[in-house]
Amino acid sequence: ANLAIIKKKKIDVIEVSLTELAQISALNSPNEAVAIVKMQSHDIN
């Protein structure tokens, strides 16, 4: 469903099953996707 944006931004994606997703999820019921994101620093405006 999101292949176009994944390819455009060259995101490193790994296909997993819901069972595999549950191994890294903090939710009781994992939902389709988990991303690891870099922290952003923001100055107070």
All heavy atoms as atom14 arrays in JSON, in Angstrom:
{
  "sequence": "ANLAIIKKKKIDVIEVSLTELAQISALNSPNEAVAIVKMQSHDIN",
  "atom14_mask": [
    [1, 1, 1, 1, 1, 0, 0, 0, 0, 0, 0, 0, 0, 0],
    [1, 1, 1, 1, 1, 1, 1, 1, 0, 0, 0, 0, 0, 0],
    [1, 1, 1, 1, 1, 1, 1, 1, 0, 0, 0, 0, 0, 0],
    [1, 1, 1, 1, 1, 0, 0, 0, 0, 0, 0, 0, 0, 0],
    [1, 1, 1, 1, 1, 1, 1, 1, 0, 0, 0, 0, 0, 0],
    [1, 1, 1, 1, 1, 1, 1, 1, 0, 0, 0, 0, 0, 0],
    [1, 1, 1, 1, 1, 1, 1, 1, 1, 0, 0, 0, 0, 0],
    [1, 1, 1, 1, 1, 1, 1, 1, 1, 0, 0, 0, 0, 0],
    [1, 1, 1, 1, 1, 1, 1, 1, 1, 0, 0, 0, 0, 0],
    [1, 1, 1, 1, 1, 1, 1, 1, 1, 0, 0, 0, 0, 0],
    [1, 1, 1, 1, 1, 1, 1, 1, 0, 0, 0, 0, 0, 0],
    [1, 1, 1, 1, 1, 1, 1, 1, 0, 0, 0, 0, 0, 0],
    [1, 1, 1, 1, 1, 1, 1, 0, 0, 0, 0, 0, 0, 0],
    [1, 1, 1, 1, 1, 1, 1, 1, 0, 0, 0, 0, 0, 0],
    [1, 1, 1, 1, 1, 1, 1, 1, 1, 0, 0, 0, 0, 0],
    [1, 1, 1, 1, 1, 1, 1, 0, 0, 0, 0, 0, 0, 0],
    [1, 1, 1, 1, 1, 1, 0, 0, 0, 0, 0, 0, 0, 0],
    [1, 1, 1, 1, 1, 1, 1, 1, 0, 0, 0, 0, 0, 0],
    [1, 1, 1, 1, 1, 1, 1, 0, 0, 0, 0, 0, 0, 0],
    [1, 1, 1, 1, 1, 1, 1, 1, 1, 0, 0, 0, 0, 0],
    [1, 1, 1, 1, 1, 1, 1, 1, 0, 0, 0, 0, 0, 0],
    [1, 1, 1, 1, 1, 0, 0, 0, 0, 0, 0, 0, 0, 0],
    [1, 1, 1, 1, 1, 1, 1, 1, 1, 0, 0, 0, 0, 0],
    [1, 1, 1, 1, 1, 1, 1, 1, 0, 0, 0, 0, 0, 0],
    [1, 1, 1, 1, 1, 1, 0, 0, 0, 0, 0, 0, 0, 0],
    [1, 1, 1, 1, 1, 0, 0, 0, 0, 0, 0, 0, 0, 0],
    [1, 1, 1, 1, 1, 1, 1, 1, 0, 0, 0, 0, 0, 0],
    [1, 1, 1, 1, 1, 1, 1, 1, 0, 0, 0, 0, 0, 0],
    [1, 1, 1, 1, 1, 1, 0, 0, 0, 0, 0, 0, 0, 0],
    [1, 1, 1, 1, 1, 1, 1, 0, 0, 0, 0, 0, 0, 0],
    [1, 1, 1, 1, 1, 1, 1, 1, 0, 0, 0, 0, 0, 0],
    [1, 1, 1, 1, 1, 1, 1, 1, 1, 0, 0, 0, 0, 0],
    [1, 1, 1, 1, 1, 0, 0, 0, 0, 0, 0, 0, 0, 0],
    [1, 1, 1, 1, 1, 1, 1, 0, 0, 0, 0, 0, 0, 0],
    [1, 1, 1, 1, 1, 0, 0, 0, 0, 0, 0, 0, 0, 0],
    [1, 1, 1, 1, 1, 1, 1, 1, 0, 0, 0, 0, 0, 0],
    [1, 1, 1, 1, 1, 1, 1, 0, 0, 0, 0, 0, 0, 0],
    [1, 1, 1, 1, 1, 1, 1, 1, 1, 0, 0, 0, 0, 0],
    [1, 1, 1, 1, 1, 1, 1, 1, 0, 0, 0, 0, 0, 0],
    [1, 1, 1, 1, 1, 1, 1, 1, 1, 0, 0, 0, 0, 0],
    [1, 1, 1, 1, 1, 1, 0, 0, 0, 0, 0, 0, 0, 0],
    [1, 1, 1, 1, 1, 1, 1, 1, 1, 1, 0, 0, 0, 0],
    [1, 1, 1, 1, 1, 1, 1, 1, 0, 0, 0, 0, 0, 0],
    [1, 1, 1, 1, 1, 1, 1, 1, 0, 0, 0, 0, 0, 0],
    [1, 1, 1, 1, 1, 1, 1, 1, 0, 0, 0, 0, 0, 0]
  ],
  "atom14_positions": [
    [[0.82, -1.22, 0.0], [0.0, 0.0, 0.0], [0.86, 1.27, 0.0], [0.4, 2.33, -0.43], [-0.94, 0.0, 1.2], [0.0, 0.0, 0.0], [0.0, 0.0, 0.0], [0.0, 0.0, 0.0], [0.0, 0.0, 0.0], [0.0, 0.0, 0.0], [0.0, 0.0, 0.0], [0.0, 0.0, 0.0], [0.0, 0.0, 0.0], [0.0, 0.0, 0.0]],
    [[2.1, 1.15, 0.48], [2.95, 2.33, 0.61], [4.26, 2.2, -0.18], [5.24, 2.89, 0.11], [3.27, 2.58, 2.09], [2.02, 2.87, 2.9], [1.5, 3.98, 2.9], [1.53, 1.85, 3.6], [0.0, 0.0, 0.0], [0.0, 0.0, 0.0], [0.0, 0.0, 0.0], [0.0, 0.0, 0.0], [0.0, 0.0, 0.0], [0.0, 0.0, 0.0]],
    [[4.24, 1.34, -1.18], [5.46, 1.01, -1.92], [6.07, 2.23, -2.6], [7.3, 2.39, -2.63], [5.17, -0.08, -2.95], [6.4, -0.71, -3.62], [7.33, -1.32, -2.58], [5.95, -1.78, -4.62], [0.0, 0.0, 0.0], [0.0, 0.0, 0.0], [0.0, 0.0, 0.0], [0.0, 0.0, 0.0], [0.0, 0.0, 0.0], [0.0, 0.0, 0.0]],
    [[5.24, 3.11, -3.13], [5.74, 4.27, -3.86], [6.6, 5.16, -2.96], [7.71, 5.55, -3.34], [4.59, 5.06, -4.46], [0.0, 0.0, 0.0], [0.0, 0.0, 0.0], [0.0, 0.0, 0.0], [0.0, 0.0, 0.0], [0.0, 0.0, 0.0], [0.0, 0.0, 0.0], [0.0, 0.0, 0.0], [0.0, 0.0, 0.0], [0.0, 0.0, 0.0]],
    [[6.1, 5.49, -1.78], [6.84, 6.37, -0.88], [8.05, 5.65, -0.3], [9.1, 6.27, -0.06], [5.93, 6.93, 0.24], [6.67, 8.02, 1.03], [5.46, 5.83, 1.17], [6.97, 9.27, 0.23], [0.0, 0.0, 0.0], [0.0, 0.0, 0.0], [0.0, 0.0, 0.0], [0.0, 0.0, 0.0], [0.0, 0.0, 0.0], [0.0, 0.0, 0.0]],
    [[7.94, 4.35, -0.06], [9.07, 3.57, 0.46], [10.22, 3.59, -0.55], [11.39, 3.79, -0.18], [8.64, 2.12, 0.77], [7.71, 2.1, 2.0], [9.85, 1.22, 1.0], [7.08, 0.74, 2.26], [0.0, 0.0, 0.0], [0.0, 0.0, 0.0], [0.0, 0.0, 0.0], [0.0, 0.0, 0.0], [0.0, 0.0, 0.0], [0.0, 0.0, 0.0]],
    [[9.89, 3.42, -1.82], [10.92, 3.44, -2.87], [11.47, 4.85, -3.08], [12.68, 5.03, -3.23], [10.34, 2.91, -4.17], [10.15, 1.4, -4.21], [9.7, 0.94, -5.59], [9.63, -0.58, -5.68], [9.22, -1.04, -7.04], [0.0, 0.0, 0.0], [0.0, 0.0, 0.0], [0.0, 0.0, 0.0], [0.0, 0.0, 0.0], [0.0, 0.0, 0.0]],
    [[10.59, 5.83, -3.07], [11.01, 7.22, -3.3], [12.0, 7.66, -2.24], [13.01, 8.32, -2.55], [9.79, 8.14, -3.29], [10.12, 9.6, -3.51], [8.87, 10.48, -3.46], [9.22, 11.95, -3.64], [8.02, 12.81, -3.57], [0.0, 0.0, 0.0], [0.0, 0.0, 0.0], [0.0, 0.0, 0.0], [0.0, 0.0, 0.0], [0.0, 0.0, 0.0]],
    [[11.75, 7.31, -0.98], [12.62, 7.75, 0.11], [13.71, 6.73, 0.43], [14.5, 6.92, 1.35], [11.77, 8.03, 1.36], [10.76, 9.15, 1.16], [10.05, 9.51, 2.44], [10.98, 10.19, 3.42], [10.26, 10.69, 4.6], [0.0, 0.0, 0.0], [0.0, 0.0, 0.0], [0.0, 0.0, 0.0], [0.0, 0.0, 0.0], [0.0, 0.0, 0.0]],
    [[13.72, 5.64, -0.35], [14.74, 4.59, -0.18], [14.8, 4.08, 1.26], [15.87, 3.97, 1.86], [16.11, 5.1, -0.63], [16.15, 5.51, -2.1], [17.51, 6.04, -2.5], [17.53, 6.46, -3.97], [18.85, 7.01, -4.39], [0.0, 0.0, 0.0], [0.0, 0.0, 0.0], [0.0, 0.0, 0.0], [0.0, 0.0, 0.0], [0.0, 0.0, 0.0]],
    [[13.64, 3.79, 1.8], [13.54, 3.31, 3.18], [13.93, 1.84, 3.24], [13.49, 1.03, 2.42], [12.1, 3.51, 3.72], [11.78, 5.0, 3.79], [11.93, 2.86, 5.09], [10.33, 5.31, 4.11], [0.0, 0.0, 0.0], [0.0, 0.0, 0.0], [0.0, 0.0, 0.0], [0.0, 0.0, 0.0], [0.0, 0.0, 0.0], [0.0, 0.0, 0.0]],
    [[14.76, 1.52, 4.2], [15.17, 0.13, 4.41], [14.03, -0.63, 5.08], [13.79, -0.47, 6.28], [16.43, 0.1, 5.29], [17.01, -1.3, 5.42], [16.45, -2.24, 4.83], [18.02, -1.45, 6.13], [0.0, 0.0, 0.0], [0.0, 0.0, 0.0], [0.0, 0.0, 0.0], [0.0, 0.0, 0.0], [0.0, 0.0, 0.0], [0.0, 0.0, 0.0]],
    [[13.3, -1.42, 4.3], [12.11, -2.1, 4.8], [12.34, -3.6, 4.85], [12.97, -4.18, 3.95], [10.87, -1.77, 3.94], [11.08, -2.17, 2.49], [9.62, -2.44, 4.51], [0.0, 0.0, 0.0], [0.0, 0.0, 0.0], [0.0, 0.0, 0.0], [0.0, 0.0, 0.0], [0.0, 0.0, 0.0], [0.0, 0.0, 0.0], [0.0, 0.0, 0.0]],
    [[11.84, -4.23, 5.9], [11.92, -5.68, 6.06], [10.5, -6.22, 6.22], [9.77, -5.81, 7.12], [12.76, -6.07, 7.29], [14.21, -5.58, 7.11], [12.73, -7.58, 7.52], [15.09, -5.84, 8.31], [0.0, 0.0, 0.0], [0.0, 0.0, 0.0], [0.0, 0.0, 0.0], [0.0, 0.0, 0.0], [0.0, 0.0, 0.0], [0.0, 0.0, 0.0]],
    [[10.11, -7.11, 5.32], [8.78, -7.7, 5.41], [8.76, -8.72, 6.54], [9.63, -9.59, 6.64], [8.39, -8.37, 4.1], [6.96, -8.94, 4.11], [6.56, -9.56, 2.79], [7.07, -9.13, 1.73], [5.73, -10.49, 2.82], [0.0, 0.0, 0.0], [0.0, 0.0, 0.0], [0.0, 0.0, 0.0], [0.0, 0.0, 0.0], [0.0, 0.0, 0.0]],
    [[7.73, -8.63, 7.38], [7.59, -9.54, 8.52], [6.14, -9.98, 8.63], [5.24, -9.39, 8.03], [8.01, -8.86, 9.85], [9.5, -8.54, 9.85], [7.18, -7.6, 10.1], [0.0, 0.0, 0.0], [0.0, 0.0, 0.0], [0.0, 0.0, 0.0], [0.0, 0.0, 0.0], [0.0, 0.0, 0.0], [0.0, 0.0, 0.0], [0.0, 0.0, 0.0]],
    [[5.92, -11.0, 9.42], [4.56, -11.44, 9.73], [4.11, -10.74, 11.0], [4.92, -10.14, 11.72], [4.54, -12.96, 9.95], [5.28, -13.29, 11.11], [0.0, 0.0, 0.0], [0.0, 0.0, 0.0], [0.0, 0.0, 0.0], [0.0, 0.0, 0.0], [0.0, 0.0, 0.0], [0.0, 0.0, 0.0], [0.0, 0.0, 0.0], [0.0, 0.0, 0.0]],
    [[2.82, -10.82, 11.29], [2.32, -10.22, 12.53], [2.95, -10.89, 13.75], [3.19, -10.24, 14.77], [0.8, -10.34, 12.59], [0.01, -9.36, 11.71], [-1.48, -9.66, 11.79], [0.27, -7.91, 12.14], [0.0, 0.0, 0.0], [0.0, 0.0, 0.0], [0.0, 0.0, 0.0], [0.0, 0.0, 0.0], [0.0, 0.0, 0.0], [0.0, 0.0, 0.0]],
    [[3.22, -12.18, 13.64], [3.86, -12.9, 14.74], [5.27, -12.35, 14.99], [5.67, -12.15, 16.14], [3.95, -14.4, 14.42], [2.63, -14.91, 14.22], [4.61, -15.17, 15.56], [0.0, 0.0, 0.0], [0.0, 0.0, 0.0], [0.0, 0.0, 0.0], [0.0, 0.0, 0.0], [0.0, 0.0, 0.0], [0.0, 0.0, 0.0], [0.0, 0.0, 0.0]],
    [[6.0, -12.09, 13.91], [7.34, -11.52, 14.05], [7.27, -10.09, 14.57], [8.1, -9.67, 15.39], [8.06, -11.58, 12.71], [8.44, -12.99, 12.28], [8.99, -13.05, 10.88], [8.47, -12.32, 9.99], [9.95, -13.82, 10.66], [0.0, 0.0, 0.0], [0.0, 0.0, 0.0], [0.0, 0.0, 0.0], [0.0, 0.0, 0.0], [0.0, 0.0, 0.0]],
    [[6.28, -9.33, 14.1], [6.11, -7.95, 14.53], [5.88, -7.88, 16.04], [6.35, -6.95, 16.71], [4.94, -7.32, 13.77], [4.97, -5.8, 13.56], [6.2, -5.39, 12.77], [3.71, -5.37, 12.83], [0.0, 0.0, 0.0], [0.0, 0.0, 0.0], [0.0, 0.0, 0.0], [0.0, 0.0, 0.0], [0.0, 0.0, 0.0], [0.0, 0.0, 0.0]],
    [[5.17, -8.86, 16.55], [4.87, -8.9, 17.98], [6.12, -9.0, 18.84], [6.11, -8.6, 20.01], [3.94, -10.08, 18.28], [0.0, 0.0, 0.0], [0.0, 0.0, 0.0], [0.0, 0.0, 0.0], [0.0, 0.0, 0.0], [0.0, 0.0, 0.0], [0.0, 0.0, 0.0], [0.0, 0.0, 0.0], [0.0, 0.0, 0.0], [0.0, 0.0, 0.0]],
    [[7.2, -9.5, 18.27], [8.44, -9.67, 19.02], [9.11, -8.34, 19.36], [9.9, -8.26, 20.31], [9.42, -10.54, 18.23], [8.95, -11.97, 18.02], [9.99, -12.79, 17.27], [11.13, -12.93, 17.71], [9.59, -13.35, 16.14], [0.0, 0.0, 0.0], [0.0, 0.0, 0.0], [0.0, 0.0, 0.0], [0.0, 0.0, 0.0], [0.0, 0.0, 0.0]],
    [[8.8, -7.3, 18.6], [9.42, -6.0, 18.86], [8.39, -4.94, 19.23], [8.75, -3.81, 19.55], [10.21, -5.51, 17.62], [9.32, -5.4, 16.39], [11.39, -6.44, 17.34], [10.01, -4.79, 15.18], [0.0, 0.0, 0.0], [0.0, 0.0, 0.0], [0.0, 0.0, 0.0], [0.0, 0.0, 0.0], [0.0, 0.0, 0.0], [0.0, 0.0, 0.0]],
    [[7.12, -5.29, 19.21], [6.06, -4.32, 19.47], [5.88, -4.07, 20.96], [6.06, -4.96, 21.8], [4.75, -4.83, 18.88], [3.67, -3.99, 19.23], [0.0, 0.0, 0.0], [0.0, 0.0, 0.0], [0.0, 0.0, 0.0], [0.0, 0.0, 0.0], [0.0, 0.0, 0.0], [0.0, 0.0, 0.0], [0.0, 0.0, 0.0], [0.0, 0.0, 0.0]],
    [[5.51, -2.82, 21.3], [5.16, -2.48, 22.67], [3.65, -2.55, 22.89], [3.16, -2.34, 23.99], [5.65, -1.07, 22.99], [0.0, 0.0, 0.0], [0.0, 0.0, 0.0], [0.0, 0.0, 0.0], [0.0, 0.0, 0.0], [0.0, 0.0, 0.0], [0.0, 0.0, 0.0], [0.0, 0.0, 0.0], [0.0, 0.0, 0.0], [0.0, 0.0, 0.0]],
    [[2.92, -2.88, 21.82], [1.46, -2.98, 21.89], [1.03, -4.41, 22.17], [1.73, -5.36, 21.82], [0.83, -2.51, 20.57], [1.14, -1.08, 20.12], [0.51, -0.83, 18.75], [0.64, -0.07, 21.14], [0.0, 0.0, 0.0], [0.0, 0.0, 0.0], [0.0, 0.0, 0.0], [0.0, 0.0, 0.0], [0.0, 0.0, 0.0], [0.0, 0.0, 0.0]],
    [[-0.13, -4.55, 22.77], [-0.68, -5.9, 23.01], [-1.05, -6.56, 21.69], [-0.91, -7.78, 21.53], [-1.91, -5.81, 23.92], [-1.56, -5.39, 25.33], [-0.47, -5.71, 25.82], [-2.45, -4.68, 26.0], [0.0, 0.0, 0.0], [0.0, 0.0, 0.0], [0.0, 0.0, 0.0], [0.0, 0.0, 0.0], [0.0, 0.0, 0.0], [0.0, 0.0, 0.0]],
    [[-1.52, -5.76, 20.75], [-1.88, -6.28, 19.43], [-1.16, -5.46, 18.36], [-1.62, -4.37, 17.98], [-3.4, -6.19, 19.2], [-4.1, -6.94, 20.18], [0.0, 0.0, 0.0], [0.0, 0.0, 0.0], [0.0, 0.0, 0.0], [0.0, 0.0, 0.0], [0.0, 0.0, 0.0], [0.0, 0.0, 0.0], [0.0, 0.0, 0.0], [0.0, 0.0, 0.0]],
    [[-0.01, -5.93, 17.88], [0.75, -5.18, 16.87], [-0.07, -4.95, 15.61], [-0.87, -5.78, 15.21], [1.96, -6.09, 16.6], [1.54, -7.44, 17.05], [0.62, -7.22, 18.2], [0.0, 0.0, 0.0], [0.0, 0.0, 0.0], [0.0, 0.0, 0.0], [0.0, 0.0, 0.0], [0.0, 0.0, 0.0], [0.0, 0.0, 0.0], [0.0, 0.0, 0.0]],
    [[0.16, -3.79, 14.98], [-0.68, -3.37, 13.86], [0.15, -3.02, 12.62], [0.55, -1.89, 12.43], [-1.52, -2.16, 14.3], [-2.46, -1.69, 13.22], [-2.53, -2.25, 12.13], [-3.17, -0.62, 13.5], [0.0, 0.0, 0.0], [0.0, 0.0, 0.0], [0.0, 0.0, 0.0], [0.0, 0.0, 0.0], [0.0, 0.0, 0.0], [0.0, 0.0, 0.0]],
    [[0.45, -4.01, 11.82], [0.99, -3.89, 10.45], [2.42, -3.35, 10.3], [3.14, -3.78, 9.42], [0.05, -3.06, 9.57], [-1.29, -3.74, 9.32], [-2.02, -3.17, 8.12], [-1.44, -2.38, 7.37], [-3.19, -3.53, 7.93], [0.0, 0.0, 0.0], [0.0, 0.0, 0.0], [0.0, 0.0, 0.0], [0.0, 0.0, 0.0], [0.0, 0.0, 0.0]],
    [[2.82, -2.36, 11.12], [4.13, -1.76, 10.88], [4.77, -1.21, 12.15], [4.09, -0.7, 13.04], [4.0, -0.64, 9.85], [0.0, 0.0, 0.0], [0.0, 0.0, 0.0], [0.0, 0.0, 0.0], [0.0, 0.0, 0.0], [0.0, 0.0, 0.0], [0.0, 0.0, 0.0], [0.0, 0.0, 0.0], [0.0, 0.0, 0.0], [0.0, 0.0, 0.0]],
    [[6.09, -1.31, 12.19], [6.91, -0.7, 13.24], [8.09, -0.02, 12.56], [8.75, -0.62, 11.71], [7.43, -1.74, 14.26], [8.44, -1.11, 15.2], [6.29, -2.36, 15.06], [0.0, 0.0, 0.0], [0.0, 0.0, 0.0], [0.0, 0.0, 0.0], [0.0, 0.0, 0.0], [0.0, 0.0, 0.0], [0.0, 0.0, 0.0], [0.0, 0.0, 0.0]],
    [[8.35, 1.23, 12.92], [9.47, 1.96, 12.34], [10.44, 2.39, 13.44], [10.02, 2.72, 14.55], [8.98, 3.19, 11.58], [0.0, 0.0, 0.0], [0.0, 0.0, 0.0], [0.0, 0.0, 0.0], [0.0, 0.0, 0.0], [0.0, 0.0, 0.0], [0.0, 0.0, 0.0], [0.0, 0.0, 0.0], [0.0, 0.0, 0.0], [0.0, 0.0, 0.0]],
    [[11.71, 2.35, 13.11], [12.73, 2.92, 13.99], [13.12, 4.26, 13.37], [13.53, 4.33, 12.21], [13.95, 2.0, 14.11], [13.54, 0.66, 14.73], [15.04, 2.66, 14.95], [14.68, -0.34, 14.85], [0.0, 0.0, 0.0], [0.0, 0.0, 0.0], [0.0, 0.0, 0.0], [0.0, 0.0, 0.0], [0.0, 0.0, 0.0], [0.0, 0.0, 0.0]],
    [[12.96, 5.32, 14.15], [13.11, 6.68, 13.63], [14.19, 7.43, 14.39], [14.35, 7.28, 15.6], [11.77, 7.45, 13.76], [11.88, 8.84, 13.14], [10.64, 6.66, 13.1], [0.0, 0.0, 0.0], [0.0, 0.0, 0.0], [0.0, 0.0, 0.0], [0.0, 0.0, 0.0], [0.0, 0.0, 0.0], [0.0, 0.0, 0.0], [0.0, 0.0, 0.0]],
    [[14.93, 8.26, 13.67], [15.98, 9.06, 14.29], [15.35, 10.23, 15.05], [14.43, 10.88, 14.57], [16.93, 9.61, 13.23], [18.1, 10.41, 13.79], [19.03, 10.92, 12.69], [20.17, 11.74, 13.28], [21.08, 12.24, 12.22], [0.0, 0.0, 0.0], [0.0, 0.0, 0.0], [0.0, 0.0, 0.0], [0.0, 0.0, 0.0], [0.0, 0.0, 0.0]],
    [[15.87, 10.49, 16.25], [15.39, 11.63, 17.02], [15.74, 12.94, 16.32], [16.8, 13.05, 15.71], [16.01, 11.63, 18.42], [15.51, 10.55, 19.34], [16.28, 10.72, 20.97], [15.47, 9.38, 21.85], [0.0, 0.0, 0.0], [0.0, 0.0, 0.0], [0.0, 0.0, 0.0], [0.0, 0.0, 0.0], [0.0, 0.0, 0.0], [0.0, 0.0, 0.0]],
    [[14.84, 13.9, 16.44], [15.06, 15.22, 15.86], [15.25, 16.23, 17.0], [14.55, 16.17, 18.01], [13.87, 15.65, 15.01], [13.54, 14.7, 13.88], [14.52, 14.8, 12.73], [15.13, 15.85, 12.53], [14.68, 13.72, 11.98], [0.0, 0.0, 0.0], [0.0, 0.0, 0.0], [0.0, 0.0, 0.0], [0.0, 0.0, 0.0], [0.0, 0.0, 0.0]],
    [[16.17, 17.16, 16.84], [16.34, 18.21, 17.84], [15.6, 19.46, 17.37], [15.66, 19.82, 16.19], [17.82, 18.53, 18.05], [18.42, 18.96, 16.85], [0.0, 0.0, 0.0], [0.0, 0.0, 0.0], [0.0, 0.0, 0.0], [0.0, 0.0, 0.0], [0.0, 0.0, 0.0], [0.0, 0.0, 0.0], [0.0, 0.0, 0.0], [0.0, 0.0, 0.0]],
    [[14.88, 20.1, 18.29], [14.1, 21.29, 17.96], [14.42, 22.39, 18.96], [14.41, 22.16, 20.16], [12.59, 21.0, 18.02], [12.15, 19.85, 17.17], [11.97, 19.95, 15.81], [11.85, 18.57, 17.49], [11.58, 18.8, 15.33], [11.5, 17.93, 16.33], [0.0, 0.0, 0.0], [0.0, 0.0, 0.0], [0.0, 0.0, 0.0], [0.0, 0.0, 0.0]],
    [[14.69, 23.58, 18.47], [14.85, 24.73, 19.35], [13.47, 25.22, 19.76], [12.5, 25.1, 19.01], [15.61, 25.85, 18.64], [17.06, 25.48, 18.37], [17.62, 24.68, 19.15], [17.61, 25.97, 17.37], [0.0, 0.0, 0.0], [0.0, 0.0, 0.0], [0.0, 0.0, 0.0], [0.0, 0.0, 0.0], [0.0, 0.0, 0.0], [0.0, 0.0, 0.0]],
    [[13.4, 25.78, 20.95], [12.14, 26.38, 21.4], [11.91, 27.66, 20.6], [12.79, 28.52, 20.5], [12.19, 26.69, 22.9], [12.35, 25.41, 23.71], [10.92, 27.43, 23.35], [12.57, 25.64, 25.2], [0.0, 0.0, 0.0], [0.0, 0.0, 0.0], [0.0, 0.0, 0.0], [0.0, 0.0, 0.0], [0.0, 0.0, 0.0], [0.0, 0.0, 0.0]],
    [[10.72, 27.78, 20.02], [10.39, 28.95, 19.21], [9.68, 29.98, 20.09], [8.46, 29.94, 20.27], [9.49, 28.54, 18.03], [9.34, 29.64, 17.01], [9.31, 30.82, 17.36], [9.23, 29.27, 15.75], [0.0, 0.0, 0.0], [0.0, 0.0, 0.0], [0.0, 0.0, 0.0], [0.0, 0.0, 0.0], [0.0, 0.0, 0.0], [0.0, 0.0, 0.0]]
  ]
}
